[in-house]
Amino acid sequence: MDADTAGTGVKVTTVKITEQTRFRLAQLAEEAGTTIKDLIAELAASRSTAEEVRQRTAETTAYLRAHLVPDFGDADLEDGARLWRGLVDGSLTAV
């Protein structure tokens, strides 16, 4: 078995973290019934990169314009972002 692939054919690597962080990851993984490696992979898969968000926004905007609101524009995106921020931070009191 190749140590670089751990028998999976997928190259593995090492991430340097503090002992405290490693202990916390081990505890979280144990409580979730998984491994630290899988816990970190799950975290990475669950988060979007800035480029992925930009791409998804462009695709969604194109769909909205093509199928629902032909004049959907940047002001609508800004209004939506402001609405979302208000929901998240609790400052939105009425719609």
Foldseek 3Di string as FASTA:
>chain_A
DDPQCPPPPDGDDDDDDDPVVVVVLCVVQVVVVHHSVVVVVVVVVVDDDPVRVVVVVVVVQVCCCVPPNVPDDPVNVVVVVVVVVCVVVVVDDDD
